[in-house]
Every structure is written in C-alpha cells, then in structure tokens.
Amino acid sequence: MVVDGSENANKTDEEVIIKIPYEFRPLPEIGQIVQALDRAGEPIGSARIISVQLTASMNKMPIISFAVDKSLLKIARNIRFQSENLQASVVCRCNDLDLEEIRALIAQGYTSVNEIKREARLGMGPCQGRNCLPIVLSELSRALKKPIAQLVPGTYRPVVKSVALEELVAYQDEEE
C-alpha cells in the first residue's frame, strides 16, 4: 500500500489517497463510490476511486488509487464494489473458475466447500483459497439459506514454499 498525495485535483483536507495493486475483475471506474475494507476484509467506510492504472511492470497488474477519510488511513487495505457484470466475475484466479461455474456446481448438489474443491480444484492453487473460499462460502450460504458460521470452511494444507533442488543439495552438504 502506498499513500500518495500526487492526485491532488480530487482530494480534500479530509481525505487521503491510497494506492494498491488490484487483482480482481472487473475493475472499478473512476469516480465510483466503493466500500473500503480493513485487513480482515470487513467494511470500514466508503472510498472514492481516483484512478485505475494499468502498469507495464508487475505483470500488468492494475494499480487502483482511492480516497478515504483521514481516519481510515492506517486501517484501509482494499476495496469492494458491486459490479453490474457479476455473472462474469472470476472467483478462483488460480484455477480460472468464475461465479457462474460455482453457482452451477451448487445447483448440481455440491453443498460443501470440500465437494466443490474436489470437483473444480477450488482453493488448490498457489493462494490456497485465500481469495476464492470466502466468495464460495457466501454463495453456499445464500443457496442453502444458512449463516456462513454454520458452514464448514473446508480443509486446508499448511502453507508451503517452493524450494529449488540446489537448495536441498546445499542443505544436505551442510549437514554432512
């Protein structure tokens, strides 16, 4: 997160501008009012989109600038907005699953995260479900008419990091 004052044209003394990389699609529009989220993904207030920049670096990751009240400076970490094109929203970027596919699986009778995980490989990519599982739990909650707290969030594997083979060889040499 970068706090920046360079977009002063749309800024007041009551607001600060925060820049974040934004991996989700669709992208918000300039001037759109969205929800500001804290680290846990909980809404903490409103934010106004100042700019959406597609960068050549960072694998063409969009950079979103949004304005929030100064009191939210140290807690605002992300944004959420309701898109008109929610049907085409990507849920699991790791395995390229969209919301329509998840809803179709639920309609076919898959009623738990683990069942959907086995069928569609949901949450089995590099992010281990950090982005997609809350969305799927929300969809299951709506479809089953149960609060999210009553749903089983699924099983998780411990976080792992890829290790190069030469690192293992070097480690073995150190032990000998």
N, C-alpha and C. Protein backbone atom coordinates (compact mmCIF):
# COMPACT_ATOMS: atom_id res chain seq x y z
N MET A 1 0.84 -1.17 0.00
CA MET A 1 0.00 0.00 0.00
C MET A 1 0.88 1.23 0.00
N VAL A 2 0.55 2.19 -0.84
CA VAL A 2 1.29 3.44 -0.93
C VAL A 2 0.32 4.57 -0.66
N VAL A 3 0.68 5.44 0.25
CA VAL A 3 -0.12 6.63 0.48
C VAL A 3 0.52 7.73 -0.34
N ASP A 4 -0.30 8.42 -1.13
CA ASP A 4 0.25 9.37 -2.08
C ASP A 4 -0.61 10.62 -2.10
N GLY A 5 0.00 11.73 -2.32
CA GLY A 5 -0.74 12.97 -2.44
C GLY A 5 -0.64 13.55 -3.83
N SER A 6 -0.23 12.76 -4.83
CA SER A 6 0.01 13.29 -6.16
C SER A 6 -1.26 13.60 -6.94
N GLU A 7 -2.38 12.98 -6.61
CA GLU A 7 -3.63 13.24 -7.32
C GLU A 7 -4.44 14.28 -6.56
N ASN A 8 -3.88 15.46 -6.35
CA ASN A 8 -4.50 16.48 -5.51
C ASN A 8 -5.75 17.08 -6.11
N ALA A 9 -6.02 16.89 -7.39
CA ALA A 9 -7.17 17.52 -8.03
C ALA A 9 -8.49 17.08 -7.39
N ASN A 10 -8.56 15.83 -6.93
CA ASN A 10 -9.80 15.31 -6.38
C ASN A 10 -9.73 15.12 -4.86
N LYS A 11 -8.77 15.71 -4.22
CA LYS A 11 -8.52 15.47 -2.81
C LYS A 11 -8.93 16.68 -1.98
N THR A 12 -9.43 16.41 -0.77
CA THR A 12 -9.75 17.49 0.16
C THR A 12 -8.87 17.33 1.39
N ASP A 13 -8.98 18.27 2.33
CA ASP A 13 -8.20 18.17 3.56
C ASP A 13 -8.66 17.02 4.45
N GLU A 14 -9.84 16.50 4.18
CA GLU A 14 -10.42 15.42 4.98
C GLU A 14 -10.04 14.04 4.46
N GLU A 15 -9.44 13.94 3.27
CA GLU A 15 -9.17 12.66 2.63
C GLU A 15 -7.68 12.41 2.43
N VAL A 16 -7.35 11.15 2.29
CA VAL A 16 -6.01 10.73 1.85
C VAL A 16 -6.19 9.78 0.68
N ILE A 17 -5.18 9.71 -0.16
CA ILE A 17 -5.20 8.82 -1.33
C ILE A 17 -4.36 7.60 -1.01
N ILE A 18 -4.91 6.41 -1.27
CA ILE A 18 -4.20 5.16 -1.06
C ILE A 18 -4.12 4.44 -2.40
N LYS A 19 -2.93 3.91 -2.71
CA LYS A 19 -2.74 3.13 -3.94
C LYS A 19 -2.49 1.68 -3.58
N ILE A 20 -3.16 0.79 -4.29
CA ILE A 20 -2.97 -0.65 -4.06
C ILE A 20 -2.96 -1.39 -5.40
N PRO A 21 -2.24 -2.50 -5.48
CA PRO A 21 -2.41 -3.37 -6.64
C PRO A 21 -3.78 -4.04 -6.51
N TYR A 22 -4.50 -4.18 -7.61
CA TYR A 22 -5.86 -4.73 -7.56
C TYR A 22 -5.97 -5.86 -8.56
N GLU A 23 -6.11 -7.10 -8.07
CA GLU A 23 -6.05 -8.30 -8.91
C GLU A 23 -7.40 -8.74 -9.45
N PHE A 24 -8.47 -8.16 -9.00
CA PHE A 24 -9.80 -8.65 -9.33
C PHE A 24 -10.35 -8.02 -10.60
N ARG A 25 -11.31 -8.71 -11.21
CA ARG A 25 -12.02 -8.19 -12.37
C ARG A 25 -13.49 -8.28 -12.06
N PRO A 26 -14.29 -7.39 -12.56
CA PRO A 26 -13.96 -6.22 -13.35
C PRO A 26 -13.35 -5.12 -12.50
N LEU A 27 -12.72 -4.16 -13.15
CA LEU A 27 -12.10 -3.05 -12.45
C LEU A 27 -13.15 -1.98 -12.14
N PRO A 28 -12.98 -1.26 -11.03
CA PRO A 28 -13.91 -0.17 -10.74
C PRO A 28 -13.67 0.99 -11.71
N GLU A 29 -14.61 1.91 -11.76
CA GLU A 29 -14.50 3.06 -12.64
C GLU A 29 -14.12 4.30 -11.84
N ILE A 30 -13.41 5.22 -12.47
CA ILE A 30 -13.01 6.47 -11.82
C ILE A 30 -14.26 7.22 -11.37
N GLY A 31 -14.24 7.69 -10.12
CA GLY A 31 -15.36 8.40 -9.53
C GLY A 31 -16.36 7.52 -8.82
N GLN A 32 -16.25 6.21 -9.00
CA GLN A 32 -17.18 5.27 -8.37
C GLN A 32 -16.97 5.25 -6.86
N ILE A 33 -18.07 5.20 -6.10
CA ILE A 33 -18.01 5.07 -4.64
C ILE A 33 -18.05 3.58 -4.32
N VAL A 34 -17.07 3.12 -3.54
CA VAL A 34 -16.92 1.71 -3.20
C VAL A 34 -16.78 1.58 -1.69
N GLN A 35 -16.75 0.35 -1.19
CA GLN A 35 -16.51 0.10 0.23
C GLN A 35 -15.01 -0.01 0.48
N ALA A 36 -14.52 0.66 1.51
CA ALA A 36 -13.15 0.47 1.96
C ALA A 36 -13.16 -0.71 2.92
N LEU A 37 -12.14 -1.57 2.83
CA LEU A 37 -12.06 -2.76 3.67
C LEU A 37 -10.82 -2.71 4.55
N ASP A 38 -10.92 -3.34 5.73
CA ASP A 38 -9.75 -3.45 6.60
C ASP A 38 -8.97 -4.71 6.23
N ARG A 39 -7.95 -5.04 7.00
CA ARG A 39 -7.09 -6.20 6.73
C ARG A 39 -7.88 -7.51 6.72
N ALA A 40 -8.94 -7.60 7.52
CA ALA A 40 -9.74 -8.82 7.59
C ALA A 40 -10.81 -8.88 6.50
N GLY A 41 -10.91 -7.83 5.66
CA GLY A 41 -11.90 -7.81 4.61
C GLY A 41 -13.26 -7.29 5.05
N GLU A 42 -13.31 -6.69 6.24
CA GLU A 42 -14.56 -6.13 6.75
C GLU A 42 -14.72 -4.68 6.29
N PRO A 43 -15.94 -4.28 5.93
CA PRO A 43 -16.17 -2.89 5.51
C PRO A 43 -15.92 -1.91 6.66
N ILE A 44 -15.24 -0.80 6.35
CA ILE A 44 -14.92 0.20 7.38
C ILE A 44 -15.38 1.59 6.98
N GLY A 45 -15.91 1.76 5.79
CA GLY A 45 -16.36 3.06 5.34
C GLY A 45 -16.39 3.10 3.82
N SER A 46 -16.63 4.29 3.30
CA SER A 46 -16.69 4.41 1.85
C SER A 46 -15.38 4.99 1.31
N ALA A 47 -15.14 4.72 0.04
CA ALA A 47 -13.95 5.21 -0.65
C ALA A 47 -14.38 5.65 -2.05
N ARG A 48 -13.62 6.55 -2.63
CA ARG A 48 -13.90 7.05 -3.97
C ARG A 48 -12.72 6.70 -4.87
N ILE A 49 -12.99 6.09 -6.01
CA ILE A 49 -11.93 5.70 -6.94
C ILE A 49 -11.40 6.96 -7.62
N ILE A 50 -10.09 7.15 -7.52
CA ILE A 50 -9.42 8.32 -8.10
C ILE A 50 -8.80 7.97 -9.45
N SER A 51 -8.12 6.81 -9.52
CA SER A 51 -7.52 6.40 -10.79
C SER A 51 -7.37 4.89 -10.86
N VAL A 52 -7.32 4.39 -12.09
CA VAL A 52 -7.08 2.98 -12.38
C VAL A 52 -5.98 2.96 -13.42
N GLN A 53 -4.79 2.49 -13.03
CA GLN A 53 -3.65 2.50 -13.94
C GLN A 53 -3.24 1.08 -14.27
N LEU A 54 -3.13 0.78 -15.56
CA LEU A 54 -2.59 -0.50 -15.99
C LEU A 54 -1.10 -0.30 -16.18
N THR A 55 -0.29 -1.03 -15.46
CA THR A 55 1.15 -0.83 -15.47
C THR A 55 1.84 -1.85 -16.36
N ALA A 56 2.96 -1.47 -16.92
CA ALA A 56 3.78 -2.40 -17.71
C ALA A 56 4.54 -3.33 -16.78
N SER A 57 4.87 -2.86 -15.59
CA SER A 57 5.57 -3.71 -14.64
C SER A 57 4.54 -4.50 -13.83
N MET A 58 5.01 -5.31 -12.93
CA MET A 58 4.16 -6.12 -12.05
C MET A 58 3.17 -6.97 -12.86
N ASN A 59 3.62 -7.52 -14.00
CA ASN A 59 2.79 -8.37 -14.84
C ASN A 59 1.47 -7.71 -15.24
N LYS A 60 1.56 -6.42 -15.53
CA LYS A 60 0.40 -5.63 -15.95
C LYS A 60 -0.69 -5.57 -14.89
N MET A 61 -0.29 -5.63 -13.65
CA MET A 61 -1.22 -5.54 -12.52
C MET A 61 -1.79 -4.14 -12.43
N PRO A 62 -3.11 -3.98 -12.42
CA PRO A 62 -3.69 -2.65 -12.27
C PRO A 62 -3.37 -2.06 -10.90
N ILE A 63 -3.16 -0.77 -10.85
CA ILE A 63 -2.96 -0.04 -9.60
C ILE A 63 -4.17 0.87 -9.43
N ILE A 64 -4.87 0.69 -8.33
CA ILE A 64 -6.06 1.46 -8.02
C ILE A 64 -5.70 2.52 -6.99
N SER A 65 -6.09 3.76 -7.24
CA SER A 65 -5.95 4.83 -6.25
C SER A 65 -7.35 5.17 -5.76
N PHE A 66 -7.51 5.18 -4.43
CA PHE A 66 -8.81 5.54 -3.88
C PHE A 66 -8.64 6.51 -2.72
N ALA A 67 -9.64 7.36 -2.55
CA ALA A 67 -9.62 8.36 -1.49
C ALA A 67 -10.50 7.88 -0.34
N VAL A 68 -9.96 7.98 0.87
CA VAL A 68 -10.71 7.64 2.08
C VAL A 68 -10.55 8.76 3.09
N ASP A 69 -11.41 8.75 4.07
CA ASP A 69 -11.31 9.70 5.17
C ASP A 69 -9.97 9.50 5.87
N LYS A 70 -9.37 10.59 6.33
CA LYS A 70 -8.05 10.51 7.00
C LYS A 70 -8.05 9.53 8.17
N SER A 71 -9.17 9.38 8.85
CA SER A 71 -9.24 8.48 10.00
C SER A 71 -9.05 7.01 9.59
N LEU A 72 -9.24 6.70 8.31
CA LEU A 72 -9.11 5.31 7.83
C LEU A 72 -7.74 5.00 7.26
N LEU A 73 -6.84 5.96 7.29
CA LEU A 73 -5.54 5.82 6.65
C LEU A 73 -4.80 4.55 7.07
N LYS A 74 -4.72 4.29 8.36
CA LYS A 74 -3.91 3.15 8.82
C LYS A 74 -4.66 1.83 8.83
N ILE A 75 -5.95 1.83 8.49
CA ILE A 75 -6.68 0.57 8.52
C ILE A 75 -7.25 0.15 7.16
N ALA A 76 -7.39 1.08 6.22
CA ALA A 76 -7.92 0.73 4.89
C ALA A 76 -6.86 -0.05 4.11
N ARG A 77 -7.23 -1.22 3.61
CA ARG A 77 -6.28 -2.07 2.89
C ARG A 77 -6.75 -2.52 1.52
N ASN A 78 -8.07 -2.43 1.26
CA ASN A 78 -8.59 -2.92 -0.01
C ASN A 78 -9.94 -2.26 -0.26
N ILE A 79 -10.57 -2.61 -1.37
CA ILE A 79 -11.89 -2.09 -1.69
C ILE A 79 -12.78 -3.23 -2.15
N ARG A 80 -14.08 -2.99 -2.11
CA ARG A 80 -15.07 -3.94 -2.64
C ARG A 80 -16.16 -3.10 -3.29
N PHE A 81 -16.65 -3.58 -4.41
CA PHE A 81 -17.77 -2.89 -5.04
C PHE A 81 -18.66 -3.90 -5.73
N GLN A 82 -19.90 -3.53 -5.93
CA GLN A 82 -20.86 -4.38 -6.62
C GLN A 82 -20.79 -4.08 -8.10
N SER A 83 -20.46 -5.06 -8.86
CA SER A 83 -20.37 -4.90 -10.31
C SER A 83 -21.69 -5.27 -10.96
N GLU A 84 -22.03 -4.57 -12.04
CA GLU A 84 -23.21 -4.94 -12.80
C GLU A 84 -22.98 -6.25 -13.54
N ASN A 85 -21.72 -6.57 -13.81
CA ASN A 85 -21.37 -7.78 -14.56
C ASN A 85 -20.86 -8.86 -13.61
N LEU A 86 -21.61 -9.11 -12.52
CA LEU A 86 -21.16 -10.06 -11.52
C LEU A 86 -21.15 -11.49 -12.05
N GLN A 87 -21.98 -11.80 -13.04
CA GLN A 87 -22.02 -13.15 -13.58
C GLN A 87 -20.67 -13.57 -14.16
N ALA A 88 -19.89 -12.64 -14.69
CA ALA A 88 -18.63 -12.98 -15.33
C ALA A 88 -17.44 -12.81 -14.37
N SER A 89 -17.72 -12.61 -13.10
CA SER A 89 -16.65 -12.38 -12.13
C SER A 89 -15.84 -13.64 -11.91
N VAL A 90 -14.53 -13.51 -11.93
CA VAL A 90 -13.64 -14.62 -11.65
C VAL A 90 -13.61 -14.83 -10.14
N VAL A 91 -13.84 -16.05 -9.71
CA VAL A 91 -13.83 -16.37 -8.28
C VAL A 91 -12.47 -16.92 -7.90
N CYS A 92 -12.00 -17.92 -8.63
CA CYS A 92 -10.71 -18.55 -8.33
C CYS A 92 -9.77 -18.28 -9.50
N ARG A 93 -8.87 -17.33 -9.31
CA ARG A 93 -7.92 -16.98 -10.38
C ARG A 93 -6.92 -18.10 -10.61
N CYS A 94 -6.58 -18.82 -9.57
CA CYS A 94 -5.58 -19.89 -9.72
C CYS A 94 -6.06 -20.99 -10.68
N ASN A 95 -7.34 -21.31 -10.61
CA ASN A 95 -7.89 -22.38 -11.45
C ASN A 95 -8.94 -21.89 -12.43
N ASP A 96 -9.01 -20.57 -12.63
CA ASP A 96 -9.86 -19.95 -13.63
C ASP A 96 -11.32 -20.38 -13.52
N LEU A 97 -11.89 -20.23 -12.33
CA LEU A 97 -13.31 -20.54 -12.11
C LEU A 97 -14.07 -19.25 -11.92
N ASP A 98 -15.20 -19.13 -12.62
CA ASP A 98 -15.99 -17.91 -12.44
C ASP A 98 -17.23 -18.21 -11.58
N LEU A 99 -17.93 -17.15 -11.24
CA LEU A 99 -19.08 -17.27 -10.35
C LEU A 99 -20.18 -18.14 -10.95
N GLU A 100 -20.36 -18.07 -12.25
CA GLU A 100 -21.37 -18.89 -12.91
C GLU A 100 -21.07 -20.38 -12.74
N GLU A 101 -19.81 -20.78 -12.86
CA GLU A 101 -19.43 -22.19 -12.68
C GLU A 101 -19.67 -22.65 -11.24
N ILE A 102 -19.35 -21.78 -10.27
CA ILE A 102 -19.56 -22.13 -8.86
C ILE A 102 -21.05 -22.30 -8.58
N ARG A 103 -21.87 -21.38 -9.10
CA ARG A 103 -23.32 -21.48 -8.90
C ARG A 103 -23.88 -22.73 -9.57
N ALA A 104 -23.33 -23.10 -10.72
CA ALA A 104 -23.78 -24.31 -11.41
C ALA A 104 -23.46 -25.56 -10.58
N LEU A 105 -22.29 -25.60 -9.97
CA LEU A 105 -21.93 -26.74 -9.12
C LEU A 105 -22.85 -26.83 -7.91
N ILE A 106 -23.17 -25.69 -7.31
CA ILE A 106 -24.09 -25.68 -6.17
C ILE A 106 -25.47 -26.17 -6.61
N ALA A 107 -25.92 -25.75 -7.79
CA ALA A 107 -27.22 -26.18 -8.33
C ALA A 107 -27.23 -27.68 -8.62
N GLN A 108 -26.06 -28.26 -8.92
CA GLN A 108 -25.96 -29.70 -9.18
C GLN A 108 -25.96 -30.52 -7.90
N GLY A 109 -25.91 -29.85 -6.75
CA GLY A 109 -25.99 -30.57 -5.48
C GLY A 109 -24.71 -30.59 -4.66
N TYR A 110 -23.67 -29.92 -5.10
CA TYR A 110 -22.45 -29.81 -4.31
C TYR A 110 -22.69 -28.76 -3.24
N THR A 111 -22.76 -29.19 -1.97
CA THR A 111 -23.20 -28.28 -0.91
C THR A 111 -22.13 -28.02 0.16
N SER A 112 -20.89 -28.34 -0.13
CA SER A 112 -19.82 -28.02 0.82
C SER A 112 -18.59 -27.55 0.05
N VAL A 113 -17.75 -26.83 0.75
CA VAL A 113 -16.50 -26.35 0.13
C VAL A 113 -15.66 -27.53 -0.33
N ASN A 114 -15.56 -28.57 0.48
CA ASN A 114 -14.74 -29.72 0.10
C ASN A 114 -15.26 -30.42 -1.15
N GLU A 115 -16.59 -30.52 -1.31
CA GLU A 115 -17.15 -31.14 -2.51
C GLU A 115 -16.80 -30.30 -3.75
N ILE A 116 -16.96 -28.99 -3.64
CA ILE A 116 -16.64 -28.11 -4.78
C ILE A 116 -15.14 -28.15 -5.05
N LYS A 117 -14.36 -28.22 -3.99
CA LYS A 117 -12.90 -28.29 -4.12
C LYS A 117 -12.49 -29.54 -4.91
N ARG A 118 -13.08 -30.69 -4.57
CA ARG A 118 -12.75 -31.93 -5.27
C ARG A 118 -13.20 -31.90 -6.73
N GLU A 119 -14.34 -31.29 -6.99
CA GLU A 119 -14.88 -31.27 -8.34
C GLU A 119 -14.18 -30.27 -9.25
N ALA A 120 -13.86 -29.08 -8.71
CA ALA A 120 -13.37 -27.99 -9.57
C ALA A 120 -11.97 -27.50 -9.23
N ARG A 121 -11.31 -28.13 -8.25
CA ARG A 121 -9.97 -27.74 -7.79
C ARG A 121 -9.95 -26.34 -7.16
N LEU A 122 -11.08 -25.92 -6.66
CA LEU A 122 -11.20 -24.63 -5.99
C LEU A 122 -10.27 -24.57 -4.79
N GLY A 123 -9.52 -23.49 -4.65
CA GLY A 123 -8.67 -23.30 -3.48
C GLY A 123 -7.43 -24.17 -3.45
N MET A 124 -7.10 -24.82 -4.56
CA MET A 124 -5.95 -25.72 -4.58
C MET A 124 -4.76 -25.13 -5.34
N GLY A 125 -4.85 -23.85 -5.69
CA GLY A 125 -3.76 -23.19 -6.39
C GLY A 125 -2.77 -22.58 -5.42
N PRO A 126 -1.88 -21.74 -5.91
CA PRO A 126 -0.85 -21.13 -5.07
C PRO A 126 -1.39 -20.30 -3.90
N CYS A 127 -2.58 -19.70 -4.06
CA CYS A 127 -3.09 -18.86 -2.96
C CYS A 127 -3.78 -19.69 -1.89
N GLN A 128 -4.01 -20.99 -2.14
CA GLN A 128 -4.65 -21.89 -1.19
C GLN A 128 -6.02 -21.40 -0.72
N GLY A 129 -6.75 -20.74 -1.61
CA GLY A 129 -8.12 -20.34 -1.31
C GLY A 129 -8.29 -19.03 -0.58
N ARG A 130 -7.23 -18.29 -0.39
CA ARG A 130 -7.36 -17.02 0.35
C ARG A 130 -8.33 -16.07 -0.32
N ASN A 131 -8.45 -16.11 -1.64
CA ASN A 131 -9.35 -15.19 -2.35
C ASN A 131 -10.70 -15.82 -2.66
N CYS A 132 -10.73 -17.08 -3.03
CA CYS A 132 -11.97 -17.67 -3.52
C CYS A 132 -12.86 -18.28 -2.44
N LEU A 133 -12.30 -18.82 -1.39
CA LEU A 133 -13.13 -19.51 -0.40
C LEU A 133 -14.16 -18.61 0.28
N PRO A 134 -13.84 -17.36 0.63
CA PRO A 134 -14.91 -16.52 1.21
C PRO A 134 -16.07 -16.29 0.24
N ILE A 135 -15.78 -16.17 -1.05
CA ILE A 135 -16.84 -15.97 -2.04
C ILE A 135 -17.70 -17.22 -2.14
N VAL A 136 -17.06 -18.39 -2.17
CA VAL A 136 -17.80 -19.65 -2.27
C VAL A 136 -18.64 -19.87 -1.02
N LEU A 137 -18.09 -19.58 0.15
CA LEU A 137 -18.88 -19.71 1.38
C LEU A 137 -20.11 -18.80 1.34
N SER A 138 -19.94 -17.61 0.82
CA SER A 138 -21.07 -16.68 0.69
C SER A 138 -22.13 -17.24 -0.25
N GLU A 139 -21.71 -17.80 -1.37
CA GLU A 139 -22.65 -18.40 -2.32
C GLU A 139 -23.35 -19.62 -1.71
N LEU A 140 -22.61 -20.45 -1.00
CA LEU A 140 -23.22 -21.60 -0.33
C LEU A 140 -24.23 -21.14 0.73
N SER A 141 -23.88 -20.11 1.46
CA SER A 141 -24.76 -19.57 2.49
C SER A 141 -26.08 -19.11 1.87
N ARG A 142 -26.00 -18.40 0.75
CA ARG A 142 -27.21 -17.94 0.05
C ARG A 142 -28.04 -19.11 -0.45
N ALA A 143 -27.39 -20.09 -1.08
CA ALA A 143 -28.10 -21.21 -1.68
C ALA A 143 -28.72 -22.13 -0.64
N LEU A 144 -28.02 -22.35 0.46
CA LEU A 144 -28.50 -23.27 1.50
C LEU A 144 -29.34 -22.57 2.56
N LYS A 145 -29.39 -21.23 2.48
CA LYS A 145 -30.12 -20.42 3.45
C LYS A 145 -29.64 -20.68 4.88
N LYS A 146 -28.32 -20.73 5.03
CA LYS A 146 -27.68 -20.92 6.33
C LYS A 146 -26.66 -19.81 6.53
N PRO A 147 -26.45 -19.38 7.77
CA PRO A 147 -25.38 -18.40 8.01
C PRO A 147 -24.01 -19.02 7.72
N ILE A 148 -23.09 -18.20 7.29
CA ILE A 148 -21.73 -18.68 6.98
C ILE A 148 -21.11 -19.38 8.17
N ALA A 149 -21.41 -18.92 9.38
CA ALA A 149 -20.85 -19.52 10.60
C ALA A 149 -21.25 -20.99 10.75
N GLN A 150 -22.35 -21.41 10.14
CA GLN A 150 -22.80 -22.80 10.25
C GLN A 150 -22.21 -23.70 9.15
N LEU A 151 -21.48 -23.11 8.21
CA LEU A 151 -20.89 -23.88 7.13
C LEU A 151 -19.46 -24.30 7.49
N VAL A 152 -19.06 -25.46 7.00
CA VAL A 152 -17.69 -25.92 7.22
C VAL A 152 -16.80 -25.27 6.17
N PRO A 153 -15.75 -24.54 6.59
CA PRO A 153 -14.94 -23.81 5.61
C PRO A 153 -14.05 -24.68 4.74
N GLY A 154 -13.97 -25.96 4.99
CA GLY A 154 -13.13 -26.84 4.18
C GLY A 154 -11.82 -27.15 4.89
N THR A 155 -11.09 -28.09 4.31
CA THR A 155 -9.80 -28.48 4.90
C THR A 155 -8.69 -27.73 4.19
N TYR A 156 -7.63 -27.48 4.91
CA TYR A 156 -6.51 -26.70 4.38
C TYR A 156 -5.22 -27.46 4.57
N ARG A 157 -4.32 -27.22 3.67
CA ARG A 157 -2.97 -27.74 3.82
C ARG A 157 -2.11 -26.65 4.41
N PRO A 158 -1.04 -27.01 5.10
CA PRO A 158 -0.16 -25.97 5.62
C PRO A 158 0.46 -25.17 4.47
N VAL A 159 0.74 -23.92 4.74
CA VAL A 159 1.37 -23.08 3.73
C VAL A 159 2.76 -23.64 3.42
N VAL A 160 3.06 -23.75 2.14
CA VAL A 160 4.36 -24.28 1.73
C VAL A 160 5.01 -23.29 0.79
N LYS A 161 6.30 -23.39 0.70
CA LYS A 161 7.06 -22.54 -0.21
C LYS A 161 7.87 -23.45 -1.12
N SER A 162 7.89 -23.12 -2.38
CA SER A 162 8.68 -23.90 -3.33
C SER A 162 10.16 -23.79 -2.96
N VAL A 163 10.87 -24.92 -3.04
CA VAL A 163 12.29 -24.95 -2.74
C VAL A 163 13.02 -25.49 -3.96
N ALA A 164 14.03 -24.78 -4.41
CA ALA A 164 14.82 -25.22 -5.55
C ALA A 164 15.64 -26.44 -5.16
N LEU A 165 15.87 -27.32 -6.11
CA LEU A 165 16.62 -28.54 -5.85
C LEU A 165 18.02 -28.24 -5.35
N GLU A 166 18.66 -27.19 -5.89
CA GLU A 166 20.02 -26.88 -5.44
C GLU A 166 20.06 -26.45 -3.96
N GLU A 167 18.94 -25.87 -3.48
CA GLU A 167 18.88 -25.52 -2.05
C GLU A 167 18.87 -26.77 -1.18
N LEU A 168 18.15 -27.80 -1.63
CA LEU A 168 18.13 -29.05 -0.88
C LEU A 168 19.50 -29.72 -0.88
N VAL A 169 20.17 -29.69 -2.02
CA VAL A 169 21.52 -30.27 -2.12
C VAL A 169 22.47 -29.51 -1.21
N ALA A 170 22.40 -28.19 -1.22
CA ALA A 170 23.27 -27.37 -0.36
C ALA A 170 22.99 -27.66 1.11
N TYR A 171 21.72 -27.85 1.47
CA TYR A 171 21.36 -28.15 2.85
C TYR A 171 21.93 -29.51 3.26
N GLN A 172 21.85 -30.50 2.37
CA GLN A 172 22.39 -31.82 2.66
C GLN A 172 23.91 -31.75 2.87
N ASP A 173 24.60 -30.96 2.03
CA ASP A 173 26.04 -30.81 2.15
C ASP A 173 26.42 -30.19 3.49
N GLU A 174 25.63 -29.24 3.98
CA GLU A 174 25.91 -28.58 5.26
C GLU A 174 25.79 -29.55 6.42
N GLU A 175 24.82 -30.47 6.37
CA GLU A 175 24.61 -31.43 7.45
C GLU A 175 25.75 -32.45 7.53
N GLU A 176 26.32 -32.80 6.40
CA GLU A 176 27.40 -33.81 6.40
C GLU A 176 28.63 -33.19 6.96
